[in-house]
């Protein structure tokens, strides 16, 4: 399945937060245990958009998420972040949010849909 998400990333750089945001294109495995995709700057992202970073990871049965992020900039090494996914459903809406960190970088994804 494919989904579009919002994302933000905050990075501690010499005691100052640098914050970036955009849209992400997600692919989720049939059993919902694997995720991968791309992060784009701005308000639209498809698998053919200009890519800011790529990511791939796992979601455990207890909603723990571990993701490796690889920048498209060659001098930035890949990094791993982890955290918990939260979801909420009502009759007409569904939303998911997860905030991941490695201690100095914070990466958040969110998705809200009307059913």
PDB file of N, CA and C in Angstrom:
ATOM      1  N   UNK A   1       0.835  -1.175   0.000  1.00  0.00           N
ATOM      2  CA  UNK A   1       0.000   0.000   0.000  1.00  0.00           C
ATOM      3  C   UNK A   1       0.882   1.242   0.000  1.00  0.00           C
ATOM      4  N   UNK A   2       0.368   2.340  -0.497  1.00  0.00           N
ATOM      5  CA  UNK A   2       1.103   3.586  -0.582  1.00  0.00           C
ATOM      6  C   UNK A   2       0.353   4.675   0.155  1.00  0.00           C
ATOM      7  N   UNK A   3       1.094   5.536   0.852  1.00  0.00           N
ATOM      8  CA  UNK A   3       0.488   6.603   1.625  1.00  0.00           C
ATOM      9  C   UNK A   3       1.328   7.863   1.527  1.00  0.00           C
ATOM     10  N   UNK A   4       0.688   9.016   1.625  1.00  0.00           N
ATOM     11  CA  UNK A   4       1.395  10.276   1.752  1.00  0.00           C
ATOM     12  C   UNK A   4       1.287  10.763   3.190  1.00  0.00           C
ATOM     13  N   UNK A   5       2.391  11.216   3.743  1.00  0.00           N
ATOM     14  CA  UNK A   5       2.477  11.664   5.126  1.00  0.00           C
ATOM     15  C   UNK A   5       3.122  13.046   5.172  1.00  0.00           C
ATOM     16  N   UNK A   6       2.899  13.771   6.261  1.00  0.00           N
ATOM     17  CA  UNK A   6       3.654  14.975   6.574  1.00  0.00           C
ATOM     18  C   UNK A   6       4.841  14.559   7.420  1.00  0.00           C
ATOM     19  N   UNK A   7       5.935  15.298   7.325  1.00  0.00           N
ATOM     20  CA  UNK A   7       7.090  15.004   8.169  1.00  0.00           C
ATOM     21  C   UNK A   7       7.766  16.297   8.603  1.00  0.00           C
ATOM     22  N   UNK A   8       8.503  16.220   9.712  1.00  0.00           N
ATOM     23  CA  UNK A   8       9.402  17.290  10.133  1.00  0.00           C
ATOM     24  C   UNK A   8      10.648  16.641  10.704  1.00  0.00           C
ATOM     25  N   UNK A   9      11.755  17.372  10.648  1.00  0.00           N
ATOM     26  CA  UNK A   9      12.980  16.884  11.262  1.00  0.00           C
ATOM     27  C   UNK A   9      13.657  18.061  11.953  1.00  0.00           C
ATOM     28  N   UNK A  10      14.000  17.855  13.203  1.00  0.00           N
ATOM     29  CA  UNK A  10      14.767  18.834  13.960  1.00  0.00           C
ATOM     30  C   UNK A  10      16.120  18.238  14.285  1.00  0.00           C
ATOM     31  N   UNK A  11      17.169  18.990  13.993  1.00  0.00           N
ATOM     32  CA  UNK A  11      18.531  18.514  14.213  1.00  0.00           C
ATOM     33  C   UNK A  11      19.257  19.520  15.091  1.00  0.00           C
ATOM     34  N   UNK A  12      19.891  19.042  16.152  1.00  0.00           N
ATOM     35  CA  UNK A  12      20.692  19.899  17.009  1.00  0.00           C
ATOM     36  C   UNK A  12      22.028  20.140  16.308  1.00  0.00           C
ATOM     37  N   UNK A  13      22.273  21.391  15.937  1.00  0.00           N
ATOM     38  CA  UNK A  13      23.517  21.749  15.263  1.00  0.00           C
ATOM     39  C   UNK A  13      24.198  22.847  16.068  1.00  0.00           C
ATOM     40  N   UNK A  14      25.227  22.468  16.804  1.00  0.00           N
ATOM     41  CA  UNK A  14      25.992  23.415  17.622  1.00  0.00           C
ATOM     42  C   UNK A  14      25.098  24.191  18.593  1.00  0.00           C
ATOM     43  N   UNK A  15      24.165  23.491  19.221  1.00  0.00           N
ATOM     44  CA  UNK A  15      23.305  24.101  20.216  1.00  0.00           C
ATOM     45  C   UNK A  15      22.106  24.857  19.660  1.00  0.00           C
ATOM     46  N   UNK A  16      21.861  24.744  18.360  1.00  0.00           N
ATOM     47  CA  UNK A  16      20.702  25.399  17.734  1.00  0.00           C
ATOM     48  C   UNK A  16      19.916  24.343  16.967  1.00  0.00           C
ATOM     49  N   UNK A  17      18.600  24.455  17.000  1.00  0.00           N
ATOM     50  CA  UNK A  17      17.752  23.518  16.275  1.00  0.00           C
ATOM     51  C   UNK A  17      17.584  23.983  14.835  1.00  0.00           C
ATOM     52  N   UNK A  18      17.885  23.125  13.891  1.00  0.00           N
ATOM     53  CA  UNK A  18      17.580  23.334  12.479  1.00  0.00           C
ATOM     54  C   UNK A  18      16.359  22.481  12.182  1.00  0.00           C
ATOM     55  N   UNK A  19      15.317  23.073  11.631  1.00  0.00           N
ATOM     56  CA  UNK A  19      14.067  22.349  11.412  1.00  0.00           C
ATOM     57  C   UNK A  19      13.713  22.366   9.932  1.00  0.00           C
ATOM     58  N   UNK A  20      13.368  21.199   9.412  1.00  0.00           N
ATOM     59  CA  UNK A  20      12.996  21.002   8.018  1.00  0.00           C
ATOM     60  C   UNK A  20      11.669  20.259   8.000  1.00  0.00           C
ATOM     61  N   UNK A  21      10.879  20.462   6.953  1.00  0.00           N
ATOM     62  CA  UNK A  21       9.595  19.765   6.876  1.00  0.00           C
ATOM     63  C   UNK A  21       9.216  19.528   5.428  1.00  0.00           C
ATOM     64  N   UNK A  22       8.219  18.650   5.244  1.00  0.00           N
ATOM     65  CA  UNK A  22       7.737  18.376   3.897  1.00  0.00           C
ATOM     66  C   UNK A  22       6.727  17.246   3.882  1.00  0.00           C
ATOM     67  N   UNK A  23       6.643  16.602   2.743  1.00  0.00           N
ATOM     68  CA  UNK A  23       5.763  15.457   2.552  1.00  0.00           C
ATOM     69  C   UNK A  23       6.619  14.215   2.355  1.00  0.00           C
ATOM     70  N   UNK A  24       6.075  13.079   2.735  1.00  0.00           N
ATOM     71  CA  UNK A  24       6.766  11.799   2.545  1.00  0.00           C
ATOM     72  C   UNK A  24       5.859  10.844   1.782  1.00  0.00           C
ATOM     73  N   UNK A  25       6.467  10.071   0.946  1.00  0.00           N
ATOM     74  CA  UNK A  25       5.785   9.010   0.202  1.00  0.00           C
ATOM     75  C   UNK A  25       6.166   7.703   0.873  1.00  0.00           C
ATOM     76  N   UNK A  26       5.180   6.978   1.410  1.00  0.00           N
ATOM     77  CA  UNK A  26       5.392   5.740   2.158  1.00  0.00           C
ATOM     78  C   UNK A  26       4.949   4.538   1.349  1.00  0.00           C
ATOM     79  N   UNK A  27       5.668   3.443   1.513  1.00  0.00           N
ATOM     80  CA  UNK A  27       5.201   2.125   1.090  1.00  0.00           C
ATOM     81  C   UNK A  27       5.214   1.252   2.337  1.00  0.00           C
ATOM     82  N   UNK A  28       4.123   0.518   2.539  1.00  0.00           N
ATOM     83  CA  UNK A  28       3.957  -0.328   3.721  1.00  0.00           C
ATOM     84  C   UNK A  28       3.718  -1.757   3.255  1.00  0.00           C
ATOM     85  N   UNK A  29       4.401  -2.715   3.887  1.00  0.00           N
ATOM     86  CA  UNK A  29       4.227  -4.120   3.505  1.00  0.00           C
ATOM     87  C   UNK A  29       2.826  -4.599   3.860  1.00  0.00           C
ATOM     88  N   UNK A  30       2.418  -5.690   3.254  1.00  0.00           N
ATOM     89  CA  UNK A  30       1.078  -6.256   3.474  1.00  0.00           C
ATOM     90  C   UNK A  30       0.796  -6.530   4.952  1.00  0.00           C
ATOM     91  N   UNK A  31       1.799  -6.969   5.688  1.00  0.00           N
ATOM     92  CA  UNK A  31       1.595  -7.282   7.105  1.00  0.00           C
ATOM     93  C   UNK A  31       1.888  -6.080   8.018  1.00  0.00           C
ATOM     94  N   UNK A  32       2.111  -4.897   7.424  1.00  0.00           N
ATOM     95  CA  UNK A  32       2.365  -3.639   8.146  1.00  0.00           C
ATOM     96  C   UNK A  32       3.638  -3.657   8.988  1.00  0.00           C
ATOM     97  N   UNK A  33       4.570  -4.556   8.711  1.00  0.00           N
ATOM     98  CA  UNK A  33       5.779  -4.639   9.530  1.00  0.00           C
ATOM     99  C   UNK A  33       6.977  -3.912   8.920  1.00  0.00           C
ATOM    100  N   UNK A  34       6.938  -3.620   7.633  1.00  0.00           N
ATOM    101  CA  UNK A  34       8.047  -2.938   6.968  1.00  0.00           C
ATOM    102  C   UNK A  34       7.550  -1.657   6.326  1.00  0.00           C
ATOM    103  N   UNK A  35       8.343  -0.596   6.467  1.00  0.00           N
ATOM    104  CA  UNK A  35       8.020   0.660   5.811  1.00  0.00           C
ATOM    105  C   UNK A  35       9.243   1.137   5.047  1.00  0.00           C
ATOM    106  N   UNK A  36       9.009   1.858   3.983  1.00  0.00           N
ATOM    107  CA  UNK A  36      10.089   2.479   3.225  1.00  0.00           C
ATOM    108  C   UNK A  36       9.491   3.641   2.459  1.00  0.00           C
ATOM    109  N   UNK A  37      10.353   4.512   2.003  1.00  0.00           N
ATOM    110  CA  UNK A  37       9.842   5.624   1.223  1.00  0.00           C
ATOM    111  C   UNK A  37      10.853   6.728   1.058  1.00  0.00           C
ATOM    112  N   UNK A  38      10.343   7.879   0.651  1.00  0.00           N
ATOM    113  CA  UNK A  38      11.171   9.042   0.406  1.00  0.00           C
ATOM    114  C   UNK A  38      10.551  10.252   1.088  1.00  0.00           C
ATOM    115  N   UNK A  39      11.410  11.174   1.462  1.00  0.00           N
ATOM    116  CA  UNK A  39      10.984  12.434   2.052  1.00  0.00           C
ATOM    117  C   UNK A  39      11.320  13.542   1.059  1.00  0.00           C
ATOM    118  N   UNK A  40      10.342  14.423   0.820  1.00  0.00           N
ATOM    119  CA  UNK A  40      10.508  15.532  -0.112  1.00  0.00           C
ATOM    120  C   UNK A  40      10.248  16.838   0.625  1.00  0.00           C
ATOM    121  N   UNK A  41      10.897  17.895   0.193  1.00  0.00           N
ATOM    122  CA  UNK A  41      10.608  19.217   0.742  1.00  0.00           C
ATOM    123  C   UNK A  41       9.353  19.750   0.075  1.00  0.00           C
ATOM    124  N   UNK A  42       8.590  20.547   0.778  1.00  0.00           N
ATOM    125  CA  UNK A  42       7.412  21.152   0.180  1.00  0.00           C
ATOM    126  C   UNK A  42       6.141  20.379   0.453  1.00  0.00           C
ATOM    127  N   UNK A  43       5.113  20.684  -0.355  1.00  0.00           N
ATOM    128  CA  UNK A  43       3.761  20.188  -0.080  1.00  0.00           C
ATOM    129  C   UNK A  43       3.309  19.025  -0.949  1.00  0.00           C
ATOM    130  N   UNK A  44       4.202  18.428  -1.724  1.00  0.00           N
ATOM    131  CA  UNK A  44       3.817  17.283  -2.548  1.00  0.00           C
ATOM    132  C   UNK A  44       4.991  16.317  -2.632  1.00  0.00           C
ATOM    133  N   UNK A  45       4.678  15.023  -2.664  1.00  0.00           N
ATOM    134  CA  UNK A  45       5.734  14.017  -2.767  1.00  0.00           C
ATOM    135  C   UNK A  45       5.178  12.764  -3.435  1.00  0.00           C
ATOM    136  N   UNK A  46       5.833  12.352  -4.482  1.00  0.00           N
ATOM    137  CA  UNK A  46       5.541  11.082  -5.131  1.00  0.00           C
ATOM    138  C   UNK A  46       6.868  10.348  -5.293  1.00  0.00           C
ATOM    139  N   UNK A  47       6.813   9.111  -5.722  1.00  0.00           N
ATOM    140  CA  UNK A  47       8.076   8.392  -5.903  1.00  0.00           C
ATOM    141  C   UNK A  47       8.918   8.986  -7.020  1.00  0.00           C
ATOM    142  N   UNK A  48       8.364   9.922  -7.797  1.00  0.00           N
ATOM    143  CA  UNK A  48       9.103  10.579  -8.873  1.00  0.00           C
ATOM    144  C   UNK A  48       9.544  11.998  -8.511  1.00  0.00           C
ATOM    145  N   UNK A  49       9.245  12.478  -7.291  1.00  0.00           N
ATOM    146  CA  UNK A  49       9.617  13.827  -6.862  1.00  0.00           C
ATOM    147  C   UNK A  49      11.112  13.916  -6.564  1.00  0.00           C
ATOM    148  N   UNK A  50      11.618  15.158  -6.468  1.00  0.00           N
ATOM    149  CA  UNK A  50      12.988  15.356  -6.035  1.00  0.00           C
ATOM    150  C   UNK A  50      13.095  14.936  -4.573  1.00  0.00           C
ATOM    151  N   UNK A  51      14.042  14.090  -4.256  1.00  0.00           N
ATOM    152  CA  UNK A  51      14.122  13.437  -2.956  1.00  0.00           C
ATOM    153  C   UNK A  51      15.079  14.183  -2.037  1.00  0.00           C
ATOM    154  N   UNK A  52      14.633  14.438  -0.802  1.00  0.00           N
ATOM    155  CA  UNK A  52      15.464  15.019   0.245  1.00  0.00           C
ATOM    156  C   UNK A  52      16.219  13.904   0.977  1.00  0.00           C
ATOM    157  N   UNK A  53      15.514  12.807   1.289  1.00  0.00           N
ATOM    158  CA  UNK A  53      16.122  11.655   1.964  1.00  0.00           C
ATOM    159  C   UNK A  53      15.271  10.428   1.686  1.00  0.00           C
ATOM    160  N   UNK A  54      15.891   9.251   1.829  1.00  0.00           N
ATOM    161  CA  UNK A  54      15.182   7.969   1.730  1.00  0.00           C
ATOM    162  C   UNK A  54      15.181   7.338   3.115  1.00  0.00           C
ATOM    163  N   UNK A  55      14.191   6.480   3.375  1.00  0.00           N
ATOM    164  CA  UNK A  55      14.143   5.797   4.664  1.00  0.00           C
ATOM    165  C   UNK A  55      13.595   4.388   4.479  1.00  0.00           C
ATOM    166  N   UNK A  56      13.954   3.516   5.411  1.00  0.00           N
ATOM    167  CA  UNK A  56      13.399   2.163   5.462  1.00  0.00           C
ATOM    168  C   UNK A  56      13.464   1.690   6.902  1.00  0.00           C
ATOM    169  N   UNK A  57      12.529   0.839   7.274  1.00  0.00           N
ATOM    170  CA  UNK A  57      12.546   0.375   8.645  1.00  0.00           C
ATOM    171  C   UNK A  57      11.503  -0.668   8.955  1.00  0.00           C
ATOM    172  N   UNK A  58      11.373  -0.948  10.249  1.00  0.00           N
ATOM    173  CA  UNK A  58      10.474  -1.988  10.741  1.00  0.00           C
ATOM    174  C   UNK A  58       9.535  -1.413  11.784  1.00  0.00           C
ATOM    175  N   UNK A  59       8.328  -1.985  11.827  1.00  0.00           N
ATOM    176  CA  UNK A  59       7.348  -1.671  12.858  1.00  0.00           C
ATOM    177  C   UNK A  59       7.042  -2.987  13.570  1.00  0.00           C
ATOM    178  N   UNK A  60       7.245  -3.022  14.881  1.00  0.00           N
ATOM    179  CA  UNK A  60       6.997  -4.256  15.632  1.00  0.00           C
ATOM    180  C   UNK A  60       5.524  -4.369  15.981  1.00  0.00           C
ATOM    181  N   UNK A  61       5.143  -5.534  16.509  1.00  0.00           N
ATOM    182  CA  UNK A  61       3.758  -5.770  16.918  1.00  0.00           C
ATOM    183  C   UNK A  61       3.292  -4.810  18.011  1.00  0.00           C
ATOM    184  N   UNK A  62       4.220  -4.308  18.820  1.00  0.00           N
ATOM    185  CA  UNK A  62       3.842  -3.364  19.882  1.00  0.00           C
ATOM    186  C   UNK A  62       4.074  -1.900  19.468  1.00  0.00           C
ATOM    187  N   UNK A  63       4.073  -1.645  18.143  1.00  0.00           N
ATOM    188  CA  UNK A  63       4.144  -0.300  17.546  1.00  0.00           C
ATOM    189  C   UNK A  63       5.483   0.399  17.714  1.00  0.00           C
ATOM    190  N   UNK A  64       6.530  -0.333  18.065  1.00  0.00           N
ATOM    191  CA  UNK A  64       7.856   0.275  18.101  1.00  0.00           C
ATOM    192  C   UNK A  64       8.386   0.364  16.670  1.00  0.00           C
ATOM    193  N   UNK A  65       8.957   1.506  16.326  1.00  0.00           N
ATOM    194  CA  UNK A  65       9.424   1.778  14.971  1.00  0.00           C
ATOM    195  C   UNK A  65      10.926   2.052  15.010  1.00  0.00           C
ATOM    196  N   UNK A  66      11.675   1.430  14.105  1.00  0.00           N
ATOM    197  CA  UNK A  66      13.096   1.703  13.931  1.00  0.00           C
ATOM    198  C   UNK A  66      13.304   1.993  12.454  1.00  0.00           C
ATOM    199  N   UNK A  67      13.861   3.170  12.156  1.00  0.00           N
ATOM    200  CA  UNK A  67      14.006   3.612  10.774  1.00  0.00           C
ATOM    201  C   UNK A  67      15.445   4.059  10.529  1.00  0.00           C
ATOM    202  N   UNK A  68      15.994   3.696   9.379  1.00  0.00           N
ATOM    203  CA  UNK A  68      17.273   4.211   8.914  1.00  0.00           C
ATOM    204  C   UNK A  68      16.981   5.257   7.851  1.00  0.00           C
ATOM    205  N   UNK A  69      17.601   6.428   8.007  1.00  0.00           N
ATOM    206  CA  UNK A  69      17.410   7.542   7.078  1.00  0.00           C
ATOM    207  C   UNK A  69      18.715   7.771   6.331  1.00  0.00           C
ATOM    208  N   UNK A  70      18.623   7.872   5.005  1.00  0.00           N
ATOM    209  CA  UNK A  70      19.793   8.125   4.171  1.00  0.00           C
ATOM    210  C   UNK A  70      19.569   9.401   3.376  1.00  0.00           C
ATOM    211  N   UNK A  71      20.403  10.386   3.616  1.00  0.00           N
ATOM    212  CA  UNK A  71      20.320  11.657   2.904  1.00  0.00           C
ATOM    213  C   UNK A  71      20.775  11.479   1.461  1.00  0.00           C
ATOM    214  N   UNK A  72      20.287  12.330   0.589  1.00  0.00           N
ATOM    215  CA  UNK A  72      20.756  12.311  -0.792  1.00  0.00           C
ATOM    216  C   UNK A  72      22.073  13.065  -0.931  1.00  0.00           C
ATOM    217  N   UNK A  73      22.495  13.764   0.124  1.00  0.00           N
ATOM    218  CA  UNK A  73      23.780  14.453   0.147  1.00  0.00           C
ATOM    219  C   UNK A  73      24.859  13.453   0.525  1.00  0.00           C
ATOM    220  N   UNK A  74      25.866  13.314  -0.310  1.00  0.00           N
ATOM    221  CA  UNK A  74      26.870  12.266  -0.117  1.00  0.00           C
ATOM    222  C   UNK A  74      27.670  12.393   1.175  1.00  0.00           C
ATOM    223  N   UNK A  75      27.872  13.608   1.684  1.00  0.00           N
ATOM    224  CA  UNK A  75      28.713  13.764   2.866  1.00  0.00           C
ATOM    225  C   UNK A  75      27.950  13.590   4.187  1.00  0.00           C
ATOM    226  N   UNK A  76      26.660  13.245   4.108  1.00  0.00           N
ATOM    227  CA  UNK A  76      25.857  13.000   5.310  1.00  0.00           C
ATOM    228  C   UNK A  76      25.666  11.488   5.457  1.00  0.00           C
ATOM    229  N   UNK A  77      26.213  10.892   6.512  1.00  0.00           N
ATOM    230  CA  UNK A  77      26.070   9.438   6.675  1.00  0.00           C
ATOM    231  C   UNK A  77      24.643   9.054   7.062  1.00  0.00           C
ATOM    232  N   UNK A  78      24.203   7.837   6.743  1.00  0.00           N
ATOM    233  CA  UNK A  78      22.886   7.363   7.185  1.00  0.00           C
ATOM    234  C   UNK A  78      22.832   7.338   8.714  1.00  0.00           C
ATOM    235  N   UNK A  79      21.631   7.494   9.262  1.00  0.00           N
ATOM    236  CA  UNK A  79      21.463   7.442  10.703  1.00  0.00           C
ATOM    237  C   UNK A  79      20.180   6.694  11.032  1.00  0.00           C
ATOM    238  N   UNK A  80      20.135   6.154  12.250  1.00  0.00           N
ATOM    239  CA  UNK A  80      18.982   5.370  12.705  1.00  0.00           C
ATOM    240  C   UNK A  80      18.270   6.107  13.834  1.00  0.00           C
ATOM    241  N   UNK A  81      16.946   6.147  13.743  1.00  0.00           N
ATOM    242  CA  UNK A  81      16.113   6.751  14.785  1.00  0.00           C
ATOM    243  C   UNK A  81      15.034   5.746  15.174  1.00  0.00           C
ATOM    244  N   UNK A  82      14.514   5.880  16.389  1.00  0.00           N
ATOM    245  CA  UNK A  82      13.488   4.935  16.839  1.00  0.00           C
ATOM    246  C   UNK A  82      12.491   5.635  17.738  1.00  0.00           C
ATOM    247  N   UNK A  83      11.331   5.004  17.892  1.00  0.00           N
ATOM    248  CA  UNK A  83      10.270   5.537  18.740  1.00  0.00           C
ATOM    249  C   UNK A  83       9.026   4.679  18.622  1.00  0.00           C
ATOM    250  N   UNK A  84       7.892   5.248  19.010  1.00  0.00           N
ATOM    251  CA  UNK A  84       6.627   4.525  19.039  1.00  0.00           C
ATOM    252  C   UNK A  84       5.621   5.173  18.110  1.00  0.00           C
ATOM    253  N   UNK A  85       4.845   4.356  17.400  1.00  0.00           N
ATOM    254  CA  UNK A  85       3.764   4.853  16.551  1.00  0.00           C
ATOM    255  C   UNK A  85       2.473   4.881  17.352  1.00  0.00           C
ATOM    256  N   UNK A  86       1.724   5.961  17.192  1.00  0.00           N
ATOM    257  CA  UNK A  86       0.429   6.117  17.851  1.00  0.00           C
ATOM    258  C   UNK A  86      -0.642   6.247  16.786  1.00  0.00           C
ATOM    259  N   UNK A  87      -1.772   5.615  17.005  1.00  0.00           N
ATOM    260  CA  UNK A  87      -2.875   5.698  16.066  1.00  0.00           C
ATOM    261  C   UNK A  87      -4.179   5.958  16.783  1.00  0.00           C
ATOM    262  N   UNK A  88      -5.088   6.599  16.071  1.00  0.00           N
ATOM    263  CA  UNK A  88      -6.417   6.860  16.621  1.00  0.00           C
ATOM    264  C   UNK A  88      -7.432   6.708  15.499  1.00  0.00           C
ATOM    265  N   UNK A  89      -8.555   6.082  15.822  1.00  0.00           N
ATOM    266  CA  UNK A  89      -9.619   5.877  14.851  1.00  0.00           C
ATOM    267  C   UNK A  89     -10.945   6.291  15.439  1.00  0.00           C
ATOM    268  N   UNK A  90     -11.771   6.891  14.604  1.00  0.00           N
ATOM    269  CA  UNK A  90     -13.161   7.146  14.970  1.00  0.00           C
ATOM    270  C   UNK A  90     -14.008   6.652  13.811  1.00  0.00           C
ATOM    271  N   UNK A  91     -15.287   6.910  13.849  1.00  0.00           N
ATOM    272  CA  UNK A  91     -16.160   6.459  12.755  1.00  0.00           C
ATOM    273  C   UNK A  91     -15.722   6.993  11.409  1.00  0.00           C
ATOM    274  N   UNK A  92     -15.287   8.242  11.379  1.00  0.00           N
ATOM    275  CA  UNK A  92     -15.019   8.902  10.103  1.00  0.00           C
ATOM    276  C   UNK A  92     -13.565   9.274   9.871  1.00  0.00           C
ATOM    277  N   UNK A  93     -12.697   9.079  10.851  1.00  0.00           N
ATOM    278  CA  UNK A  93     -11.325   9.546  10.717  1.00  0.00           C
ATOM    279  C   UNK A  93     -10.336   8.531  11.263  1.00  0.00           C
ATOM    280  N   UNK A  94      -9.138   8.596  10.709  1.00  0.00           N
ATOM    281  CA  UNK A  94      -8.036   7.779  11.210  1.00  0.00           C
ATOM    282  C   UNK A  94      -6.780   8.633  11.148  1.00  0.00           C
ATOM    283  N   UNK A  95      -5.957   8.537  12.169  1.00  0.00           N
ATOM    284  CA  UNK A  95      -4.703   9.284  12.151  1.00  0.00           C
ATOM    285  C   UNK A  95      -3.597   8.448  12.777  1.00  0.00           C
ATOM    286  N   UNK A  96      -2.387   8.673  12.288  1.00  0.00           N
ATOM    287  CA  UNK A  96      -1.200   8.012  12.802  1.00  0.00           C
ATOM    288  C   UNK A  96      -0.124   9.065  12.994  1.00  0.00           C
ATOM    289  N   UNK A  97       0.643   8.910  14.051  1.00  0.00           N
ATOM    290  CA  UNK A  97       1.760   9.798  14.333  1.00  0.00           C
ATOM    291  C   UNK A  97       2.882   8.976  14.932  1.00  0.00           C
ATOM    292  N   UNK A  98       4.102   9.252  14.504  1.00  0.00           N
ATOM    293  CA  UNK A  98       5.233   8.720  15.246  1.00  0.00           C
ATOM    294  C   UNK A  98       6.375   9.709  15.230  1.00  0.00           C
ATOM    295  N   UNK A  99       7.020   9.803  16.377  1.00  0.00           N
ATOM    296  CA  UNK A  99       8.163  10.689  16.566  1.00  0.00           C
ATOM    297  C   UNK A  99       9.344   9.804  16.936  1.00  0.00           C
ATOM    298  N   UNK A 100      10.402   9.925  16.158  1.00  0.00           N
ATOM    299  CA  UNK A 100      11.569   9.066  16.293  1.00  0.00           C
ATOM    300  C   UNK A 100      12.776   9.931  16.656  1.00  0.00           C
ATOM    301  N   UNK A 101      13.710   9.371  17.416  1.00  0.00           N
ATOM    302  CA  UNK A 101      14.892  10.142  17.789  1.00  0.00           C
ATOM    303  C   UNK A 101      16.095   9.229  17.984  1.00  0.00           C
ATOM    304  N   UNK A 102      17.266   9.835  17.892  1.00  0.00           N
ATOM    305  CA  UNK A 102      18.505   9.155  18.253  1.00  0.00           C
ATOM    306  C   UNK A 102      19.214   9.920  19.364  1.00  0.00           C
ATOM    307  N   UNK A 103      18.547  10.912  19.924  1.00  0.00           N
ATOM    308  CA  UNK A 103      19.114  11.720  20.989  1.00  0.00           C
ATOM    309  C   UNK A 103      19.470  13.128  20.546  1.00  0.00           C
ATOM    310  N   UNK A 104      19.852  13.309  19.286  1.00  0.00           N
ATOM    311  CA  UNK A 104      20.170  14.643  18.777  1.00  0.00           C
ATOM    312  C   UNK A 104      19.335  15.029  17.570  1.00  0.00           C
ATOM    313  N   UNK A 105      18.704  14.063  16.941  1.00  0.00           N
ATOM    314  CA  UNK A 105      17.830  14.308  15.799  1.00  0.00           C
ATOM    315  C   UNK A 105      16.436  13.826  16.152  1.00  0.00           C
ATOM    316  N   UNK A 106      15.425  14.599  15.791  1.00  0.00           N
ATOM    317  CA  UNK A 106      14.032  14.228  16.011  1.00  0.00           C
ATOM    318  C   UNK A 106      13.349  14.204  14.652  1.00  0.00           C
ATOM    319  N   UNK A 107      12.727  13.081  14.314  1.00  0.00           N
ATOM    320  CA  UNK A 107      12.030  12.923  13.043  1.00  0.00           C
ATOM    321  C   UNK A 107      10.604  12.519  13.339  1.00  0.00           C
ATOM    322  N   UNK A 108       9.647  13.288  12.847  1.00  0.00           N
ATOM    323  CA  UNK A 108       8.237  12.987  13.086  1.00  0.00           C
ATOM    324  C   UNK A 108       7.482  12.811  11.791  1.00  0.00           C
ATOM    325  N   UNK A 109       6.563  11.861  11.784  1.00  0.00           N
ATOM    326  CA  UNK A 109       5.672  11.619  10.654  1.00  0.00           C
ATOM    327  C   UNK A 109       4.245  11.661  11.174  1.00  0.00           C
ATOM    328  N   UNK A 110       3.328  12.197  10.365  1.00  0.00           N
ATOM    329  CA  UNK A 110       1.905  12.173  10.735  1.00  0.00           C
ATOM    330  C   UNK A 110       1.056  12.029   9.490  1.00  0.00           C
ATOM    331  N   UNK A 111      -0.099  11.395   9.691  1.00  0.00           N
ATOM    332  CA  UNK A 111      -1.056  11.186   8.602  1.00  0.00           C
ATOM    333  C   UNK A 111      -2.450  11.230   9.201  1.00  0.00           C
ATOM    334  N   UNK A 112      -3.343  11.972   8.563  1.00  0.00           N
ATOM    335  CA  UNK A 112      -4.723  12.083   9.010  1.00  0.00           C
ATOM    336  C   UNK A 112      -5.616  11.898   7.792  1.00  0.00           C
ATOM    337  N   UNK A 113      -6.587  11.003   7.886  1.00  0.00           N
ATOM    338  CA  UNK A 113      -7.480  10.729   6.759  1.00  0.00           C
ATOM    339  C   UNK A 113      -8.918  10.685   7.214  1.00  0.00           C
ATOM    340  N   UNK A 114      -9.787  11.166   6.348  1.00  0.00           N
ATOM    341  CA  UNK A 114     -11.218  11.033   6.563  1.00  0.00           C
ATOM    342  C   UNK A 114     -11.669   9.777   5.820  1.00  0.00           C
ATOM    343  N   UNK A 115     -12.401   8.921   6.507  1.00  0.00           N
ATOM    344  CA  UNK A 115     -12.844   7.660   5.908  1.00  0.00           C
ATOM    345  C   UNK A 115     -14.103   7.853   5.090  1.00  0.00           C
TER     346      UNK A 115
END
